[in-house]
Amino acid sequence: MSPGFSLYLQYVCYYLFVKHKPIVNMAGDPSKIENEEDKRESEKRINDTLLVKYFSIYYMNESRKLINSMVDYCQKLIIHYFLFMECIIILSIKKDVI
């Protein structure tokens, strides 16, 4: 279900000239889904009035940047957490020794 070459070319043109026009259909075409359960779910979702089907290239690109930055942020957060826990352990050991 990935876009063809002509659609990628269209996306590039929109990105260069009309960044904020919603053209990327994230809802997709339910008839192309092979799994029957997923197909039924997608068909129900298509009729939902609250579903946002189209997004702009700008929005998609900024979302990608945000998601990629979150990976780095989480890695740093985990490192800081383990360093903090290591300091707590060292302090508790020193407290027991004194």
C-alpha atoms as a PDB file:
ATOM      1  CA  MET A   1       0.000   0.000   0.000  1.00  0.00           C
ATOM      2  CA  SER A   2       2.902   2.393  -0.485  1.00  0.00           C
ATOM      3  CA  PRO A   3       2.621   5.220  -3.020  1.00  0.00           C
ATOM      4  CA  GLY A   4       3.942   4.846  -6.563  1.00  0.00           C
ATOM      5  CA  PHE A   5       6.603   6.955  -8.269  1.00  0.00           C
ATOM      6  CA  SER A   6       4.119   9.444  -9.737  1.00  0.00           C
ATOM      7  CA  LEU A   7       2.610  10.054  -6.301  1.00  0.00           C
ATOM      8  CA  TYR A   8       6.077  10.651  -4.833  1.00  0.00           C
ATOM      9  CA  LEU A   9       6.738  13.144  -7.627  1.00  0.00           C
ATOM     10  CA  GLN A  10       3.443  14.852  -6.836  1.00  0.00           C
ATOM     11  CA  TYR A  11       4.406  15.017  -3.134  1.00  0.00           C
ATOM     12  CA  VAL A  12       7.749  16.637  -4.030  1.00  0.00           C
ATOM     13  CA  CYS A  13       6.014  19.284  -6.142  1.00  0.00           C
ATOM     14  CA  TYR A  14       3.538  20.014  -3.376  1.00  0.00           C
ATOM     15  CA  TYR A  15       6.371  20.180  -0.828  1.00  0.00           C
ATOM     16  CA  LEU A  16       8.244  22.714  -2.940  1.00  0.00           C
ATOM     17  CA  PHE A  17       5.319  24.909  -3.958  1.00  0.00           C
ATOM     18  CA  VAL A  18       2.268  24.287  -1.722  1.00  0.00           C
ATOM     19  CA  LYS A  19       3.509  22.886   1.603  1.00  0.00           C
ATOM     20  CA  HIS A  20       0.363  23.415   3.631  1.00  0.00           C
ATOM     21  CA  LYS A  21      -2.229  21.933   1.245  1.00  0.00           C
ATOM     22  CA  PRO A  22      -3.580  18.623   2.626  1.00  0.00           C
ATOM     23  CA  ILE A  23      -2.877  15.960  -0.020  1.00  0.00           C
ATOM     24  CA  VAL A  24      -1.557  12.869   1.797  1.00  0.00           C
ATOM     25  CA  ASN A  25      -4.431  10.418   2.319  1.00  0.00           C
ATOM     26  CA  MET A  26      -3.646   8.626   5.583  1.00  0.00           C
ATOM     27  CA  ALA A  27      -7.000   6.840   5.677  1.00  0.00           C
ATOM     28  CA  GLY A  28      -6.092   4.755   2.629  1.00  0.00           C
ATOM     29  CA  ASP A  29      -8.222   2.546   0.445  1.00  0.00           C
ATOM     30  CA  PRO A  30      -9.850  -0.323   2.397  1.00  0.00           C
ATOM     31  CA  SER A  31     -10.196  -2.452  -0.749  1.00  0.00           C
ATOM     32  CA  LYS A  32      -6.393  -2.870  -0.893  1.00  0.00           C
ATOM     33  CA  ILE A  33      -6.188  -4.432   2.588  1.00  0.00           C
ATOM     34  CA  GLU A  34      -5.768  -8.213   2.510  1.00  0.00           C
ATOM     35  CA  ASN A  35      -6.619  -9.013   6.141  1.00  0.00           C
ATOM     36  CA  GLU A  36     -10.435  -9.213   6.398  1.00  0.00           C
ATOM     37  CA  GLU A  37     -10.618  -7.990   9.998  1.00  0.00           C
ATOM     38  CA  ASP A  38      -8.444  -4.952   9.227  1.00  0.00           C
ATOM     39  CA  LYS A  39     -10.463  -4.292   6.084  1.00  0.00           C
ATOM     40  CA  ARG A  40     -13.754  -4.209   8.032  1.00  0.00           C
ATOM     41  CA  GLU A  41     -12.223  -1.916  10.645  1.00  0.00           C
ATOM     42  CA  SER A  42     -10.929   0.427   7.942  1.00  0.00           C
ATOM     43  CA  GLU A  43     -14.317   0.509   6.208  1.00  0.00           C
ATOM     44  CA  LYS A  44     -15.993   1.490   9.488  1.00  0.00           C
ATOM     45  CA  ARG A  45     -13.361   4.144  10.125  1.00  0.00           C
ATOM     46  CA  ILE A  46     -13.788   5.686   6.639  1.00  0.00           C
ATOM     47  CA  ASN A  47     -17.392   6.618   7.483  1.00  0.00           C
ATOM     48  CA  ASP A  48     -16.394   8.309  10.752  1.00  0.00           C
ATOM     49  CA  THR A  49     -17.083  12.049  10.569  1.00  0.00           C
ATOM     50  CA  LEU A  50     -14.212  12.811  12.955  1.00  0.00           C
ATOM     51  CA  LEU A  51     -11.614  11.068  10.797  1.00  0.00           C
ATOM     52  CA  VAL A  52      -8.996  13.383   9.317  1.00  0.00           C
ATOM     53  CA  LYS A  53      -8.168  11.752   5.979  1.00  0.00           C
ATOM     54  CA  TYR A  54      -5.751  14.223   4.427  1.00  0.00           C
ATOM     55  CA  PHE A  55      -2.603  15.791   5.846  1.00  0.00           C
ATOM     56  CA  SER A  56      -0.203  18.301   4.348  1.00  0.00           C
ATOM     57  CA  ILE A  57       3.363  17.447   3.396  1.00  0.00           C
ATOM     58  CA  TYR A  58       4.525  20.065   5.906  1.00  0.00           C
ATOM     59  CA  TYR A  59       2.578  18.360   8.707  1.00  0.00           C
ATOM     60  CA  MET A  60       3.929  14.935   7.749  1.00  0.00           C
ATOM     61  CA  ASN A  61       7.513  16.217   7.651  1.00  0.00           C
ATOM     62  CA  GLU A  62       7.229  17.992  11.012  1.00  0.00           C
ATOM     63  CA  SER A  63       5.675  14.846  12.539  1.00  0.00           C
ATOM     64  CA  ARG A  64       8.622  12.804  11.276  1.00  0.00           C
ATOM     65  CA  LYS A  65      11.067  15.283  12.834  1.00  0.00           C
ATOM     66  CA  LEU A  66       9.211  15.121  16.145  1.00  0.00           C
ATOM     67  CA  ILE A  67       9.151  11.326  16.194  1.00  0.00           C
ATOM     68  CA  ASN A  68      12.874  11.124  15.367  1.00  0.00           C
ATOM     69  CA  SER A  69      13.740  13.648  18.081  1.00  0.00           C
ATOM     70  CA  MET A  70      11.749  11.621  20.619  1.00  0.00           C
ATOM     71  CA  VAL A  71      14.016   8.623  20.074  1.00  0.00           C
ATOM     72  CA  ASP A  72      17.074  10.715  20.981  1.00  0.00           C
ATOM     73  CA  TYR A  73      15.237  12.299  23.901  1.00  0.00           C
ATOM     74  CA  CYS A  74      14.212   8.909  25.325  1.00  0.00           C
ATOM     75  CA  GLN A  75      17.736   7.556  24.990  1.00  0.00           C
ATOM     76  CA  LYS A  76      19.099  10.539  26.925  1.00  0.00           C
ATOM     77  CA  LEU A  77      16.353  10.224  29.505  1.00  0.00           C
ATOM     78  CA  ILE A  78      17.170   6.542  30.083  1.00  0.00           C
ATOM     79  CA  ILE A  79      20.880   7.306  30.454  1.00  0.00           C
ATOM     80  CA  HIS A  80      20.147  10.060  32.981  1.00  0.00           C
ATOM     81  CA  TYR A  81      17.805   7.773  34.881  1.00  0.00           C
ATOM     82  CA  PHE A  82      20.442   5.048  35.202  1.00  0.00           C
ATOM     83  CA  LEU A  83      23.092   7.593  36.223  1.00  0.00           C
ATOM     84  CA  PHE A  84      20.716   8.942  38.848  1.00  0.00           C
ATOM     85  CA  MET A  85      20.000   5.443  40.157  1.00  0.00           C
ATOM     86  CA  GLU A  86      23.716   4.696  40.252  1.00  0.00           C
ATOM     87  CA  CYS A  87      24.285   7.830  42.360  1.00  0.00           C
ATOM     88  CA  ILE A  88      21.505   6.782  44.729  1.00  0.00           C
ATOM     89  CA  ILE A  89      23.053   3.339  45.136  1.00  0.00           C
ATOM     90  CA  ILE A  90      26.522   4.801  45.741  1.00  0.00           C
ATOM     91  CA  LEU A  91      25.146   7.242  48.311  1.00  0.00           C
ATOM     92  CA  SER A  92      23.237   4.502  50.104  1.00  0.00           C
ATOM     93  CA  ILE A  93      26.374   2.317  50.209  1.00  0.00           C
ATOM     94  CA  LYS A  94      28.450   5.212  51.588  1.00  0.00           C
ATOM     95  CA  LYS A  95      25.792   5.900  54.207  1.00  0.00           C
ATOM     96  CA  ASP A  96      25.935   2.274  55.367  1.00  0.00           C
ATOM     97  CA  VAL A  97      29.745   2.355  55.566  1.00  0.00           C
ATOM     98  CA  ILE A  98      29.821   5.506  57.713  1.00  0.00           C
END
